[in-house]
Amino acid sequence: MVTLLLTFFIMLLVIMNDAEKHIDRIINMLLDQTY
């Protein structure tokens, strides 16, 4: 049970990290279009 929670937590961290990079890329694209 504890290992399952740990795996879930690590997966969540990885997904959040990927999402952050993706959001940064989208923001940069939007800024490039405006200026």
PDB file of N, CA and C in Angstrom:
ATOM      1  N   MET A   1       0.840  -1.213   0.000  1.00  0.00           N
ATOM      2  CA  MET A   1       0.000   0.000   0.000  1.00  0.00           C
ATOM      3  C   MET A   1       0.874   1.263   0.000  1.00  0.00           C
ATOM      4  N   VAL A   2       1.913   1.271   0.823  1.00  0.00           N
ATOM      5  CA  VAL A   2       2.789   2.444   0.907  1.00  0.00           C
ATOM      6  C   VAL A   2       3.536   2.643  -0.411  1.00  0.00           C
ATOM      7  N   THR A   3       3.986   1.532  -1.009  1.00  0.00           N
ATOM      8  CA  THR A   3       4.720   1.637  -2.278  1.00  0.00           C
ATOM      9  C   THR A   3       3.815   2.181  -3.369  1.00  0.00           C
ATOM     10  N   LEU A   4       2.547   1.800  -3.344  1.00  0.00           N
ATOM     11  CA  LEU A   4       1.578   2.280  -4.333  1.00  0.00           C
ATOM     12  C   LEU A   4       1.420   3.792  -4.212  1.00  0.00           C
ATOM     13  N   LEU A   5       1.314   4.281  -2.974  1.00  0.00           N
ATOM     14  CA  LEU A   5       1.188   5.721  -2.745  1.00  0.00           C
ATOM     15  C   LEU A   5       2.442   6.455  -3.209  1.00  0.00           C
ATOM     16  N   LEU A   6       3.597   5.881  -2.922  1.00  0.00           N
ATOM     17  CA  LEU A   6       4.862   6.493  -3.338  1.00  0.00           C
ATOM     18  C   LEU A   6       4.947   6.585  -4.850  1.00  0.00           C
ATOM     19  N   THR A   7       4.583   5.502  -5.534  1.00  0.00           N
ATOM     20  CA  THR A   7       4.616   5.489  -6.999  1.00  0.00           C
ATOM     21  C   THR A   7       3.680   6.544  -7.556  1.00  0.00           C
ATOM     22  N   PHE A   8       2.483   6.641  -6.982  1.00  0.00           N
ATOM     23  CA  PHE A   8       1.500   7.630  -7.423  1.00  0.00           C
ATOM     24  C   PHE A   8       2.037   9.048  -7.235  1.00  0.00           C
ATOM     25  N   PHE A   9       2.678   9.287  -6.102  1.00  0.00           N
ATOM     26  CA  PHE A   9       3.231  10.612  -5.793  1.00  0.00           C
ATOM     27  C   PHE A   9       4.333  10.989  -6.777  1.00  0.00           C
ATOM     28  N   ILE A  10       5.214  10.031  -7.072  1.00  0.00           N
ATOM     29  CA  ILE A  10       6.314  10.285  -8.020  1.00  0.00           C
ATOM     30  C   ILE A  10       5.754  10.568  -9.406  1.00  0.00           C
ATOM     31  N   MET A  11       4.756   9.786  -9.822  1.00  0.00           N
ATOM     32  CA  MET A  11       4.127  10.007 -11.130  1.00  0.00           C
ATOM     33  C   MET A  11       3.520  11.399 -11.196  1.00  0.00           C
ATOM     34  N   LEU A  12       2.879  11.809 -10.115  1.00  0.00           N
ATOM     35  CA  LEU A  12       2.257  13.134 -10.049  1.00  0.00           C
ATOM     36  C   LEU A  12       3.321  14.227 -10.202  1.00  0.00           C
ATOM     37  N   LEU A  13       4.441  14.063  -9.519  1.00  0.00           N
ATOM     38  CA  LEU A  13       5.533  15.041  -9.612  1.00  0.00           C
ATOM     39  C   LEU A  13       6.057  15.142 -11.035  1.00  0.00           C
ATOM     40  N   VAL A  14       6.241  13.991 -11.690  1.00  0.00           N
ATOM     41  CA  VAL A  14       6.747  13.975 -13.068  1.00  0.00           C
ATOM     42  C   VAL A  14       5.763  14.667 -13.997  1.00  0.00           C
ATOM     43  N   ILE A  15       4.466  14.374 -13.828  1.00  0.00           N
ATOM     44  CA  ILE A  15       3.431  14.988 -14.674  1.00  0.00           C
ATOM     45  C   ILE A  15       3.410  16.501 -14.461  1.00  0.00           C
ATOM     46  N   MET A  16       3.504  16.934 -13.208  1.00  0.00           N
ATOM     47  CA  MET A  16       3.496  18.365 -12.914  1.00  0.00           C
ATOM     48  C   MET A  16       4.705  19.048 -13.555  1.00  0.00           C
ATOM     49  N   ASN A  17       5.864  18.396 -13.479  1.00  0.00           N
ATOM     50  CA  ASN A  17       7.089  18.943 -14.068  1.00  0.00           C
ATOM     51  C   ASN A  17       6.935  19.090 -15.578  1.00  0.00           C
ATOM     52  N   ASP A  18       6.396  18.056 -16.220  1.00  0.00           N
ATOM     53  CA  ASP A  18       6.170  18.109 -17.670  1.00  0.00           C
ATOM     54  C   ASP A  18       5.182  19.215 -18.017  1.00  0.00           C
ATOM     55  N   ALA A  19       4.118  19.325 -17.242  1.00  0.00           N
ATOM     56  CA  ALA A  19       3.093  20.341 -17.507  1.00  0.00           C
ATOM     57  C   ALA A  19       3.698  21.742 -17.389  1.00  0.00           C
ATOM     58  N   GLU A  20       4.581  21.914 -16.409  1.00  0.00           N
ATOM     59  CA  GLU A  20       5.213  23.224 -16.204  1.00  0.00           C
ATOM     60  C   GLU A  20       6.025  23.626 -17.435  1.00  0.00           C
ATOM     61  N   LYS A  21       6.797  22.684 -17.979  1.00  0.00           N
ATOM     62  CA  LYS A  21       7.594  22.964 -19.175  1.00  0.00           C
ATOM     63  C   LYS A  21       6.673  23.299 -20.342  1.00  0.00           C
ATOM     64  N   HIS A  22       5.584  22.542 -20.454  1.00  0.00           N
ATOM     65  CA  HIS A  22       4.633  22.744 -21.548  1.00  0.00           C
ATOM     66  C   HIS A  22       3.998  24.130 -21.452  1.00  0.00           C
ATOM     67  N   ILE A  23       3.608  24.523 -20.237  1.00  0.00           N
ATOM     68  CA  ILE A  23       2.982  25.837 -20.022  1.00  0.00           C
ATOM     69  C   ILE A  23       3.977  26.945 -20.361  1.00  0.00           C
ATOM     70  N   ASP A  24       5.234  26.763 -19.964  1.00  0.00           N
ATOM     71  CA  ASP A  24       6.275  27.756 -20.282  1.00  0.00           C
ATOM     72  C   ASP A  24       6.395  27.935 -21.790  1.00  0.00           C
ATOM     73  N   ARG A  25       6.354  26.811 -22.522  1.00  0.00           N
ATOM     74  CA  ARG A  25       6.480  26.864 -23.975  1.00  0.00           C
ATOM     75  C   ARG A  25       5.300  27.608 -24.587  1.00  0.00           C
ATOM     76  N   ILE A  26       4.101  27.324 -24.086  1.00  0.00           N
ATOM     77  CA  ILE A  26       2.890  27.985 -24.602  1.00  0.00           C
ATOM     78  C   ILE A  26       2.954  29.490 -24.331  1.00  0.00           C
ATOM     79  N   ILE A  27       3.380  29.870 -23.123  1.00  0.00           N
ATOM     80  CA  ILE A  27       3.480  31.294 -22.766  1.00  0.00           C
ATOM     81  C   ILE A  27       4.485  31.990 -23.677  1.00  0.00           C
ATOM     82  N   ASN A  28       5.618  31.337 -23.936  1.00  0.00           N
ATOM     83  CA  ASN A  28       6.632  31.918 -24.820  1.00  0.00           C
ATOM     84  C   ASN A  28       6.081  32.099 -26.225  1.00  0.00           C
ATOM     85  N   MET A  29       5.320  31.117 -26.709  1.00  0.00           N
ATOM     86  CA  MET A  29       4.716  31.214 -28.035  1.00  0.00           C
ATOM     87  C   MET A  29       3.748  32.389 -28.096  1.00  0.00           C
ATOM     88  N   LEU A  30       2.929  32.529 -27.060  1.00  0.00           N
ATOM     89  CA  LEU A  30       1.952  33.622 -27.018  1.00  0.00           C
ATOM     90  C   LEU A  30       2.663  34.971 -26.981  1.00  0.00           C
ATOM     91  N   LEU A  31       3.725  35.070 -26.199  1.00  0.00           N
ATOM     92  CA  LEU A  31       4.477  36.322 -26.114  1.00  0.00           C
ATOM     93  C   LEU A  31       5.120  36.653 -27.453  1.00  0.00           C
ATOM     94  N   ASP A  32       5.626  35.636 -28.139  1.00  0.00           N
ATOM     95  CA  ASP A  32       6.240  35.863 -29.456  1.00  0.00           C
ATOM     96  C   ASP A  32       5.210  36.399 -30.441  1.00  0.00           C
ATOM     97  N   GLN A  33       3.974  35.910 -30.355  1.00  0.00           N
ATOM     98  CA  GLN A  33       2.929  36.353 -31.275  1.00  0.00           C
ATOM     99  C   GLN A  33       2.516  37.794 -30.997  1.00  0.00           C
ATOM    100  N   THR A  34       2.483  38.173 -29.713  1.00  0.00           N
ATOM    101  CA  THR A  34       2.009  39.523 -29.382  1.00  0.00           C
ATOM    102  C   THR A  34       3.030  40.587 -29.757  1.00  0.00           C
ATOM    103  N   TYR A  35       4.327  40.281 -29.551  1.00  0.00           N
ATOM    104  CA  TYR A  35       5.340  41.304 -29.827  1.00  0.00           C
ATOM    105  C   TYR A  35       6.015  41.068 -31.177  1.00  0.00           C
TER     106      TYR A  35
END
